[in-house]
């Protein structure tokens, strides 16, 4: 699995987001990370990317 992230693309996406949207997204990520095990998170990401 390739886990490399294009930082410039990530920063460009983040800079376009409004603060409220960014905070909501981070809250969702935080809830997901706290509620699932690592394998479930990886499987969910793979499903979303396919």
C-alpha atoms as a PDB file:
ATOM      1  CA  UNK A   1       0.000   0.000   0.000  1.00  0.00           C
ATOM      2  CA  UNK A   2       1.362   3.385  -0.970  1.00  0.00           C
ATOM      3  CA  UNK A   3       1.073   5.771   1.957  1.00  0.00           C
ATOM      4  CA  UNK A   4       2.888   8.696   0.373  1.00  0.00           C
ATOM      5  CA  UNK A   5       0.977  11.950   0.480  1.00  0.00           C
ATOM      6  CA  UNK A   6       1.584  14.770  -1.953  1.00  0.00           C
ATOM      7  CA  UNK A   7       1.990  17.516   0.642  1.00  0.00           C
ATOM      8  CA  UNK A   8       1.563  20.351  -1.851  1.00  0.00           C
ATOM      9  CA  UNK A   9      -1.790  18.912  -2.997  1.00  0.00           C
ATOM     10  CA  UNK A  10      -2.861  18.428   0.607  1.00  0.00           C
ATOM     11  CA  UNK A  11      -1.920  22.004   1.522  1.00  0.00           C
ATOM     12  CA  UNK A  12      -3.743  23.349  -1.543  1.00  0.00           C
ATOM     13  CA  UNK A  13      -6.896  21.467  -0.531  1.00  0.00           C
ATOM     14  CA  UNK A  14      -6.661  22.686   3.065  1.00  0.00           C
ATOM     15  CA  UNK A  15      -6.104  26.293   2.023  1.00  0.00           C
ATOM     16  CA  UNK A  16      -9.326  26.240  -0.010  1.00  0.00           C
ATOM     17  CA  UNK A  17     -11.401  24.927   2.870  1.00  0.00           C
ATOM     18  CA  UNK A  18     -13.254  27.295   5.111  1.00  0.00           C
ATOM     19  CA  UNK A  19     -12.408  27.095   8.821  1.00  0.00           C
ATOM     20  CA  UNK A  20     -15.806  25.657   9.775  1.00  0.00           C
ATOM     21  CA  UNK A  21     -15.565  22.901   7.130  1.00  0.00           C
ATOM     22  CA  UNK A  22     -12.010  22.106   8.197  1.00  0.00           C
ATOM     23  CA  UNK A  23     -13.000  21.843  11.860  1.00  0.00           C
ATOM     24  CA  UNK A  24     -15.954  19.590  10.998  1.00  0.00           C
ATOM     25  CA  UNK A  25     -13.707  17.350   8.912  1.00  0.00           C
ATOM     26  CA  UNK A  26     -11.111  17.111  11.659  1.00  0.00           C
ATOM     27  CA  UNK A  27     -13.797  16.261  14.197  1.00  0.00           C
ATOM     28  CA  UNK A  28     -15.044  13.445  11.947  1.00  0.00           C
ATOM     29  CA  UNK A  29     -11.506  12.096  11.555  1.00  0.00           C
ATOM     30  CA  UNK A  30     -10.933  12.296  15.297  1.00  0.00           C
ATOM     31  CA  UNK A  31     -14.153  10.387  16.031  1.00  0.00           C
ATOM     32  CA  UNK A  32     -13.277   7.750  13.436  1.00  0.00           C
ATOM     33  CA  UNK A  33      -9.766   7.270  14.818  1.00  0.00           C
ATOM     34  CA  UNK A  34     -11.055   6.947  18.363  1.00  0.00           C
ATOM     35  CA  UNK A  35     -13.861   4.526  17.537  1.00  0.00           C
ATOM     36  CA  UNK A  36     -12.320   2.000  15.147  1.00  0.00           C
ATOM     37  CA  UNK A  37      -9.316  -0.254  15.049  1.00  0.00           C
ATOM     38  CA  UNK A  38      -6.516   0.363  12.551  1.00  0.00           C
ATOM     39  CA  UNK A  39      -7.565  -2.396  10.134  1.00  0.00           C
ATOM     40  CA  UNK A  40     -11.134  -1.076   9.945  1.00  0.00           C
ATOM     41  CA  UNK A  41      -9.852   2.445   9.207  1.00  0.00           C
ATOM     42  CA  UNK A  42      -7.558   1.142   6.451  1.00  0.00           C
ATOM     43  CA  UNK A  43     -10.408  -0.880   4.916  1.00  0.00           C
ATOM     44  CA  UNK A  44     -12.717   2.168   4.962  1.00  0.00           C
ATOM     45  CA  UNK A  45     -10.064   4.304   3.254  1.00  0.00           C
ATOM     46  CA  UNK A  46      -9.512   1.647   0.590  1.00  0.00           C
ATOM     47  CA  UNK A  47     -13.263   1.459  -0.076  1.00  0.00           C
ATOM     48  CA  UNK A  48     -13.468   5.244  -0.446  1.00  0.00           C
ATOM     49  CA  UNK A  49     -10.510   5.344  -2.848  1.00  0.00           C
ATOM     50  CA  UNK A  50     -11.738   2.635  -5.189  1.00  0.00           C
END
